[in-house]
Amino acid sequence: MNSNQFLRSNNSVHLRGFQPYQLLETATYCPCSINISLTEVELSRQSHDHDIQEKHSLSRMLEQKRISEQEVISYQRAESKTLQVEKEDCIREIHQERKQEKETKTKMMSSLKSEEERLRKQQEDEEARKHEETEKRKDDAKQKADVTAEMQRQSPQELEQMESQQRNELPGTSTDSISRP
């Protein structure tokens, strides 16, 4: 083994191309003139063993960390899904309420329009009836006025003729009961 294979730094010995377990064998049977103490080799071996143990411990911890992360992610996804479903239900209820309100409003407007139409028609009918009654009263008053005017125009002889005709048509009436105007 040549001297390039040994490197010294910070009181530790490193050999290129050798594993730490081979270091002891190399150090014990090394034909070279460099003196490597066994305590340094033993310390290196202990440090290496400790590093391996820590590595195994960290790898187990890493696996536990991954499992925990997966649990947290799974929980968050489930919670998110639950919240999303609740939100969709809430939105659906709001849409349903608005739809019902719109339908109710439409029905009320339709009912109001039909009621207004009914009242308007009833008012028109009432006005037409009143107008007809007024026209009928006017016609009756005009007829009475015409009859009265006609009677006033007729001569007294014609009046007597009419009265006698009426008496003849009505049997059993006395002539005294009819008075002259």
Protein backbone atom coordinates (compact mmCIF):
# COMPACT_ATOMS: atom_id res chain seq x y z
CA MET A 1 0.00 0.00 0.00
CA ASN A 2 1.44 3.36 -0.89
CA SER A 3 1.24 6.52 1.17
CA ASN A 4 -1.40 8.10 -1.13
CA GLN A 5 -3.99 5.70 0.19
CA PHE A 6 -3.80 7.20 3.72
CA LEU A 7 -5.27 10.63 4.41
CA ARG A 8 -5.20 12.33 7.80
CA SER A 9 -7.63 15.06 8.85
CA ASN A 10 -8.92 16.09 12.28
CA ASN A 11 -7.35 13.13 14.07
CA SER A 12 -9.09 10.53 11.92
CA VAL A 13 -7.66 8.22 9.38
CA HIS A 14 -9.28 7.61 6.03
CA LEU A 15 -8.10 5.06 3.56
CA ARG A 16 -9.06 5.25 -0.04
CA GLY A 17 -10.63 2.09 -1.36
CA PHE A 18 -11.01 0.43 2.07
CA GLN A 19 -14.15 -0.19 4.08
CA PRO A 20 -14.09 0.75 7.78
CA TYR A 21 -13.99 -2.89 8.87
CA GLN A 22 -11.02 -3.52 6.65
CA LEU A 23 -9.20 -0.67 8.35
CA LEU A 24 -8.43 -2.70 11.45
CA GLU A 25 -7.00 -5.52 9.44
CA THR A 26 -5.01 -3.10 7.37
CA ALA A 27 -3.78 -1.29 10.41
CA THR A 28 -2.71 -4.42 12.18
CA TYR A 29 -0.97 -5.99 9.29
CA CYS A 30 0.11 -2.87 7.52
CA PRO A 31 3.67 -3.18 6.32
CA CYS A 32 4.05 0.55 6.00
CA SER A 33 5.84 2.74 8.46
CA ILE A 34 2.79 4.92 9.38
CA ASN A 35 1.58 4.13 12.83
CA ILE A 36 -2.22 4.11 13.16
CA SER A 37 -3.52 3.77 16.66
CA LEU A 38 -6.19 1.22 17.35
CA THR A 39 -8.28 3.67 19.37
CA GLU A 40 -8.77 5.87 16.34
CA VAL A 41 -9.91 2.89 14.33
CA GLU A 42 -12.20 1.80 17.12
CA LEU A 43 -13.64 5.32 17.40
CA SER A 44 -14.20 5.40 13.66
CA ARG A 45 -15.94 2.04 13.79
CA GLN A 46 -18.19 3.17 16.69
CA SER A 47 -18.98 6.40 14.88
CA HIS A 48 -19.85 4.42 11.78
CA ASP A 49 -22.07 2.01 13.76
CA HIS A 50 -23.77 4.92 15.43
CA ASP A 51 -24.36 6.55 12.02
CA ILE A 52 -25.86 3.31 10.68
CA GLN A 53 -28.17 3.02 13.71
CA GLU A 54 -29.20 6.63 13.31
CA LYS A 55 -29.78 6.04 9.62
CA HIS A 56 -32.08 3.09 10.39
CA SER A 57 -33.86 5.12 13.05
CA LEU A 58 -34.30 8.03 10.63
CA SER A 59 -35.55 5.71 7.90
CA ARG A 60 -38.17 4.32 10.33
CA MET A 61 -39.05 7.88 11.32
CA LEU A 62 -39.29 8.82 7.65
CA GLU A 63 -41.71 5.96 7.07
CA GLN A 64 -43.77 7.07 10.07
CA LYS A 65 -43.67 10.62 8.75
CA ARG A 66 -44.96 9.45 5.36
CA ILE A 67 -47.74 7.48 7.02
CA SER A 68 -48.68 10.50 9.16
CA GLU A 69 -48.63 12.77 6.13
CA GLN A 70 -50.90 10.36 4.26
CA GLU A 71 -53.29 10.29 7.23
CA VAL A 72 -53.34 14.10 7.40
CA ILE A 73 -53.85 14.40 3.65
CA SER A 74 -56.61 11.78 3.76
CA TYR A 75 -58.30 13.60 6.65
CA GLN A 76 -58.02 16.94 4.86
CA ARG A 77 -59.47 15.48 1.67
CA ALA A 78 -62.37 13.93 3.56
CA GLU A 79 -63.00 17.19 5.42
CA SER A 80 -62.78 19.14 2.16
CA LYS A 81 -65.19 16.73 0.48
CA THR A 82 -67.62 17.01 3.41
CA LEU A 83 -67.46 20.80 3.28
CA GLN A 84 -67.95 20.75 -0.49
CA VAL A 85 -71.02 18.50 -0.14
CA GLU A 86 -72.43 20.79 2.58
CA LYS A 87 -71.78 23.83 0.40
CA GLU A 88 -73.50 22.20 -2.60
CA ASP A 89 -76.47 21.23 -0.40
CA CYS A 90 -76.71 24.79 0.90
CA ILE A 91 -76.56 26.21 -2.64
CA ARG A 92 -79.17 23.68 -3.80
CA GLU A 93 -81.48 24.68 -0.91
CA ILE A 94 -81.03 28.38 -1.71
CA HIS A 95 -81.86 27.71 -5.39
CA GLN A 96 -84.92 25.68 -4.37
CA GLU A 97 -86.11 28.44 -2.02
CA ARG A 98 -85.63 31.08 -4.71
CA LYS A 99 -87.48 28.92 -7.22
CA GLN A 100 -90.38 28.48 -4.79
CA GLU A 101 -90.40 32.20 -4.04
CA LYS A 102 -90.48 32.94 -7.77
CA GLU A 103 -93.32 30.47 -8.32
CA THR A 104 -95.24 31.93 -5.37
CA LYS A 105 -94.68 35.45 -6.66
CA THR A 106 -95.83 34.41 -10.15
CA LYS A 107 -98.96 32.78 -8.72
CA MET A 108 -99.69 35.86 -6.60
CA MET A 109 -99.24 38.16 -9.59
CA SER A 110 -101.51 35.95 -11.68
CA SER A 111 -104.09 35.89 -8.90
CA LEU A 112 -103.87 39.68 -8.53
CA LYS A 113 -104.28 40.19 -12.27
CA SER A 114 -107.29 37.89 -12.42
CA GLU A 115 -108.83 39.60 -9.37
CA GLU A 116 -108.21 43.04 -10.89
CA GLU A 117 -109.73 41.84 -14.17
CA ARG A 118 -112.75 40.43 -12.32
CA LEU A 119 -113.22 43.69 -10.38
CA ARG A 120 -112.82 45.77 -13.53
CA LYS A 121 -115.37 43.63 -15.36
CA GLN A 122 -117.74 43.79 -12.40
CA GLN A 123 -117.39 47.58 -12.30
CA GLU A 124 -118.02 47.80 -16.06
CA ASP A 125 -121.10 45.58 -15.70
CA GLU A 126 -122.35 47.73 -12.82
CA GLU A 127 -121.80 50.90 -14.82
CA ALA A 128 -123.57 49.37 -17.83
CA ARG A 129 -126.51 48.31 -15.63
CA LYS A 130 -126.75 51.80 -14.10
CA HIS A 131 -126.57 53.35 -17.55
CA GLU A 132 -129.36 51.05 -18.80
CA GLU A 133 -131.51 51.89 -15.77
CA THR A 134 -130.91 55.59 -16.32
CA GLU A 135 -131.80 55.25 -20.00
CA LYS A 136 -134.89 53.22 -19.10
CA ARG A 137 -136.00 55.88 -16.57
CA LYS A 138 -135.42 58.57 -19.16
CA ASP A 139 -137.46 56.60 -21.72
CA ASP A 140 -140.25 55.99 -19.18
CA ALA A 141 -140.27 59.66 -18.19
CA LYS A 142 -140.31 60.65 -21.86
CA GLN A 143 -143.20 58.28 -22.58
CA LYS A 144 -145.17 59.64 -19.64
CA ALA A 145 -144.45 63.18 -20.75
CA ASP A 146 -145.51 62.28 -24.30
CA VAL A 147 -148.73 60.67 -23.06
CA THR A 148 -149.47 63.66 -20.85
CA ALA A 149 -148.74 66.07 -23.71
CA GLU A 150 -150.90 63.98 -26.03
CA MET A 151 -153.69 63.99 -23.54
CA GLN A 152 -153.46 67.72 -23.14
CA ARG A 153 -153.62 68.15 -26.91
CA GLN A 154 -156.65 66.02 -27.33
CA SER A 155 -159.94 67.75 -27.24
CA PRO A 156 -162.41 67.18 -24.47
CA GLN A 157 -164.58 65.21 -26.83
CA GLU A 158 -161.88 62.73 -27.56
CA LEU A 159 -161.35 62.35 -23.85
CA GLU A 160 -164.98 61.48 -23.34
CA GLN A 161 -164.80 58.95 -26.13
CA MET A 162 -161.80 57.32 -24.54
CA GLU A 163 -163.50 57.24 -21.18
CA SER A 164 -166.64 55.71 -22.62
CA GLN A 165 -164.60 53.08 -24.44
CA GLN A 166 -162.85 52.25 -21.22
CA ARG A 167 -166.19 51.96 -19.41
CA ASN A 168 -167.62 49.70 -22.03
CA GLU A 169 -164.60 47.49 -21.91
CA LEU A 170 -164.82 47.17 -18.13
CA PRO A 171 -168.16 45.63 -17.18
CA GLY A 172 -169.59 46.30 -13.74
CA THR A 173 -168.10 49.70 -13.25
CA SER A 174 -170.28 52.58 -12.46
CA THR A 175 -170.18 55.82 -14.39
CA ASP A 176 -170.01 57.85 -11.24
CA SER A 177 -166.68 56.48 -10.24
CA ILE A 178 -165.02 57.96 -13.29
CA SER A 179 -164.22 61.55 -12.73
CA ARG A 180 -163.39 64.11 -15.32
CA PRO A 181 -160.21 66.02 -15.36
